[in-house]
Amino acid sequence: MAQSFDYDSATASDDAETSPLERLAEIAARTAEETGKFANVDAILRIPVTMQVVLGSATIPVANLMKLGRGAVVPLDHRVGEPVDVVVNGRVVARGEVVVVEEDNSRFGVSLTEIVGPLGQSDS
């Protein structure tokens, strides 16, 4: 049986210091308290998940794929400046912008601009 949850009231705090992941942890903790189903939310919050940032995709014939070599460029369907999808375990959970990590200019990061709620609703 699915439990309904009011995400709007759970995310009503406009504290600019709170990261989206901290907000998600807060929602999980509040849900656990309200339902009483989880005795130890910390155990759940330590479960590793696979996170991906999707820069784009391309569909090409196998023949063209076989011709690719060093230095080949494959155009993707996203354009520069468009938001990228943040995917956790196969589900889009947020969107953001690609940024260069300040401490190490050789790495990229993603600045989250939108949290995607249940059923594709966004919480900007």
C-alpha atoms as a PDB file:
ATOM      1  CA  MET A   1       0.000   0.000   0.000  1.00  0.00           C
ATOM      2  CA  ALA A   2       1.493   3.306  -1.051  1.00  0.00           C
ATOM      3  CA  GLN A   3       1.594   6.080   1.511  1.00  0.00           C
ATOM      4  CA  SER A   4       0.894   9.622   0.393  1.00  0.00           C
ATOM      5  CA  PHE A   5       3.244  12.341   1.534  1.00  0.00           C
ATOM      6  CA  ASP A   6       2.930  16.086   1.262  1.00  0.00           C
ATOM      7  CA  TYR A   7       6.256  17.067  -0.331  1.00  0.00           C
ATOM      8  CA  ASP A   8       5.318  20.751  -0.431  1.00  0.00           C
ATOM      9  CA  SER A   9       5.046  21.037   3.341  1.00  0.00           C
ATOM     10  CA  ALA A  10       8.138  18.885   3.836  1.00  0.00           C
ATOM     11  CA  THR A  11      10.245  21.161   1.650  1.00  0.00           C
ATOM     12  CA  ALA A  12       8.749  24.445   2.757  1.00  0.00           C
ATOM     13  CA  SER A  13      11.907  25.572   4.552  1.00  0.00           C
ATOM     14  CA  ASP A  14      13.626  28.142   2.357  1.00  0.00           C
ATOM     15  CA  ASP A  15      16.962  27.829   4.115  1.00  0.00           C
ATOM     16  CA  ALA A  16      19.555  28.613   1.426  1.00  0.00           C
ATOM     17  CA  GLU A  17      22.210  26.759   3.439  1.00  0.00           C
ATOM     18  CA  THR A  18      20.413  23.401   3.109  1.00  0.00           C
ATOM     19  CA  SER A  19      21.596  21.280   0.191  1.00  0.00           C
ATOM     20  CA  PRO A  20      19.095  19.252  -1.849  1.00  0.00           C
ATOM     21  CA  LEU A  21      20.534  16.010  -0.452  1.00  0.00           C
ATOM     22  CA  GLU A  22      20.099  17.286   3.106  1.00  0.00           C
ATOM     23  CA  ARG A  23      16.508  18.172   2.218  1.00  0.00           C
ATOM     24  CA  LEU A  24      15.946  14.633   0.914  1.00  0.00           C
ATOM     25  CA  ALA A  25      17.425  13.177   4.108  1.00  0.00           C
ATOM     26  CA  GLU A  26      15.155  15.449   6.154  1.00  0.00           C
ATOM     27  CA  ILE A  27      12.108  14.271   4.185  1.00  0.00           C
ATOM     28  CA  ALA A  28      13.123  10.632   4.691  1.00  0.00           C
ATOM     29  CA  ALA A  29      13.592  11.164   8.418  1.00  0.00           C
ATOM     30  CA  ARG A  30      10.255  12.963   8.763  1.00  0.00           C
ATOM     31  CA  THR A  31       8.479  10.244   6.769  1.00  0.00           C
ATOM     32  CA  ALA A  32      10.037   7.564   8.968  1.00  0.00           C
ATOM     33  CA  GLU A  33       8.920   9.374  12.124  1.00  0.00           C
ATOM     34  CA  GLU A  34       5.385   9.833  10.828  1.00  0.00           C
ATOM     35  CA  THR A  35       4.917   6.257   9.655  1.00  0.00           C
ATOM     36  CA  GLY A  36       6.967   4.559  12.366  1.00  0.00           C
ATOM     37  CA  LYS A  37       8.072   1.998   9.784  1.00  0.00           C
ATOM     38  CA  PHE A  38      11.822   2.607  10.071  1.00  0.00           C
ATOM     39  CA  ALA A  39      13.490   2.376  13.445  1.00  0.00           C
ATOM     40  CA  ASN A  40      16.861   3.482  12.135  1.00  0.00           C
ATOM     41  CA  VAL A  41      16.803   5.922   9.207  1.00  0.00           C
ATOM     42  CA  ASP A  42      20.591   6.252   9.389  1.00  0.00           C
ATOM     43  CA  ALA A  43      20.957   2.677   8.133  1.00  0.00           C
ATOM     44  CA  ILE A  44      18.888   3.570   5.070  1.00  0.00           C
ATOM     45  CA  LEU A  45      20.766   6.807   4.449  1.00  0.00           C
ATOM     46  CA  ARG A  46      24.066   4.853   4.288  1.00  0.00           C
ATOM     47  CA  ILE A  47      22.895   2.622   1.408  1.00  0.00           C
ATOM     48  CA  PRO A  48      25.095   3.326  -1.640  1.00  0.00           C
ATOM     49  CA  VAL A  49      23.335   4.329  -4.861  1.00  0.00           C
ATOM     50  CA  THR A  50      24.603   4.859  -8.392  1.00  0.00           C
ATOM     51  CA  MET A  51      24.454   8.496  -9.477  1.00  0.00           C
ATOM     52  CA  GLN A  52      24.950   9.616 -13.067  1.00  0.00           C
ATOM     53  CA  VAL A  53      24.849  12.982 -14.777  1.00  0.00           C
ATOM     54  CA  VAL A  54      23.561  12.567 -18.312  1.00  0.00           C
ATOM     55  CA  LEU A  55      25.243  15.035 -20.652  1.00  0.00           C
ATOM     56  CA  GLY A  56      23.336  13.731 -23.638  1.00  0.00           C
ATOM     57  CA  SER A  57      22.917  10.753 -25.910  1.00  0.00           C
ATOM     58  CA  ALA A  58      23.286   9.836 -29.565  1.00  0.00           C
ATOM     59  CA  THR A  59      21.915   7.135 -31.826  1.00  0.00           C
ATOM     60  CA  ILE A  60      24.249   5.966 -34.563  1.00  0.00           C
ATOM     61  CA  PRO A  61      24.380   2.887 -36.794  1.00  0.00           C
ATOM     62  CA  VAL A  62      26.760   0.103 -35.793  1.00  0.00           C
ATOM     63  CA  ALA A  63      28.727   0.661 -39.017  1.00  0.00           C
ATOM     64  CA  ASN A  64      29.486   4.254 -37.947  1.00  0.00           C
ATOM     65  CA  LEU A  65      30.296   3.102 -34.422  1.00  0.00           C
ATOM     66  CA  MET A  66      32.879   0.686 -35.824  1.00  0.00           C
ATOM     67  CA  LYS A  67      34.554   3.566 -37.715  1.00  0.00           C
ATOM     68  CA  LEU A  68      35.098   5.663 -34.569  1.00  0.00           C
ATOM     69  CA  GLY A  69      38.681   6.104 -33.514  1.00  0.00           C
ATOM     70  CA  ARG A  70      40.849   8.268 -31.321  1.00  0.00           C
ATOM     71  CA  GLY A  71      39.829  11.920 -31.625  1.00  0.00           C
ATOM     72  CA  ALA A  72      36.404  11.175 -33.109  1.00  0.00           C
ATOM     73  CA  VAL A  73      33.611  13.475 -31.952  1.00  0.00           C
ATOM     74  CA  VAL A  74      30.102  12.106 -31.444  1.00  0.00           C
ATOM     75  CA  PRO A  75      27.509  14.909 -31.335  1.00  0.00           C
ATOM     76  CA  LEU A  76      25.024  14.557 -28.477  1.00  0.00           C
ATOM     77  CA  ASP A  77      21.379  15.621 -28.377  1.00  0.00           C
ATOM     78  CA  HIS A  78      21.937  18.214 -25.610  1.00  0.00           C
ATOM     79  CA  ARG A  79      23.242  21.683 -26.408  1.00  0.00           C
ATOM     80  CA  VAL A  80      25.671  23.793 -24.388  1.00  0.00           C
ATOM     81  CA  GLY A  81      23.807  25.575 -21.609  1.00  0.00           C
ATOM     82  CA  GLU A  82      20.879  23.136 -21.485  1.00  0.00           C
ATOM     83  CA  PRO A  83      20.233  21.497 -18.117  1.00  0.00           C
ATOM     84  CA  VAL A  84      21.603  17.995 -17.609  1.00  0.00           C
ATOM     85  CA  ASP A  85      19.684  15.194 -15.888  1.00  0.00           C
ATOM     86  CA  VAL A  86      20.905  13.811 -12.563  1.00  0.00           C
ATOM     87  CA  VAL A  87      19.938  10.134 -12.436  1.00  0.00           C
ATOM     88  CA  VAL A  88      20.022   7.968  -9.293  1.00  0.00           C
ATOM     89  CA  ASN A  89      19.510   4.226  -9.779  1.00  0.00           C
ATOM     90  CA  GLY A  90      17.881   4.822 -13.172  1.00  0.00           C
ATOM     91  CA  ARG A  91      15.462   7.568 -12.066  1.00  0.00           C
ATOM     92  CA  VAL A  92      15.817  11.282 -12.830  1.00  0.00           C
ATOM     93  CA  VAL A  93      15.898  13.041  -9.442  1.00  0.00           C
ATOM     94  CA  ALA A  94      17.242  16.466 -10.379  1.00  0.00           C
ATOM     95  CA  ARG A  95      18.478  18.724 -13.147  1.00  0.00           C
ATOM     96  CA  GLY A  96      21.456  21.005 -13.112  1.00  0.00           C
ATOM     97  CA  GLU A  97      24.226  22.836 -14.898  1.00  0.00           C
ATOM     98  CA  VAL A  98      27.697  21.481 -15.590  1.00  0.00           C
ATOM     99  CA  VAL A  99      30.374  23.467 -13.732  1.00  0.00           C
ATOM    100  CA  VAL A 100      34.147  23.293 -13.341  1.00  0.00           C
ATOM    101  CA  VAL A 101      35.124  22.304  -9.797  1.00  0.00           C
ATOM    102  CA  GLU A 102      36.888  25.313  -8.260  1.00  0.00           C
ATOM    103  CA  GLU A 103      39.496  23.390  -6.268  1.00  0.00           C
ATOM    104  CA  ASP A 104      40.578  21.294  -9.236  1.00  0.00           C
ATOM    105  CA  ASN A 105      40.078  22.797 -12.709  1.00  0.00           C
ATOM    106  CA  SER A 106      40.538  19.377 -14.300  1.00  0.00           C
ATOM    107  CA  ARG A 107      37.220  18.036 -12.956  1.00  0.00           C
ATOM    108  CA  PHE A 108      33.597  18.783 -13.678  1.00  0.00           C
ATOM    109  CA  GLY A 109      30.666  18.894 -11.280  1.00  0.00           C
ATOM    110  CA  VAL A 110      26.969  19.650 -11.492  1.00  0.00           C
ATOM    111  CA  SER A 111      25.190  22.547  -9.820  1.00  0.00           C
ATOM    112  CA  LEU A 112      21.634  21.426  -9.031  1.00  0.00           C
ATOM    113  CA  THR A 113      18.992  23.839 -10.265  1.00  0.00           C
ATOM    114  CA  GLU A 114      15.853  21.727  -9.923  1.00  0.00           C
ATOM    115  CA  ILE A 115      14.765  18.777  -7.792  1.00  0.00           C
ATOM    116  CA  VAL A 116      12.365  16.457  -9.597  1.00  0.00           C
ATOM    117  CA  GLY A 117       9.529  15.289  -7.352  1.00  0.00           C
ATOM    118  CA  PRO A 118       7.319  12.224  -7.670  1.00  0.00           C
ATOM    119  CA  LEU A 119       5.839  11.541 -11.100  1.00  0.00           C
ATOM    120  CA  GLY A 120       8.056  14.146 -12.756  1.00  0.00           C
ATOM    121  CA  GLN A 121       6.814  17.121 -10.719  1.00  0.00           C
ATOM    122  CA  SER A 122       9.569  19.646 -10.198  1.00  0.00           C
ATOM    123  CA  ASP A 123      10.431  21.511  -7.004  1.00  0.00           C
ATOM    124  CA  SER A 124      12.381  24.537  -8.213  1.00  0.00           C
END
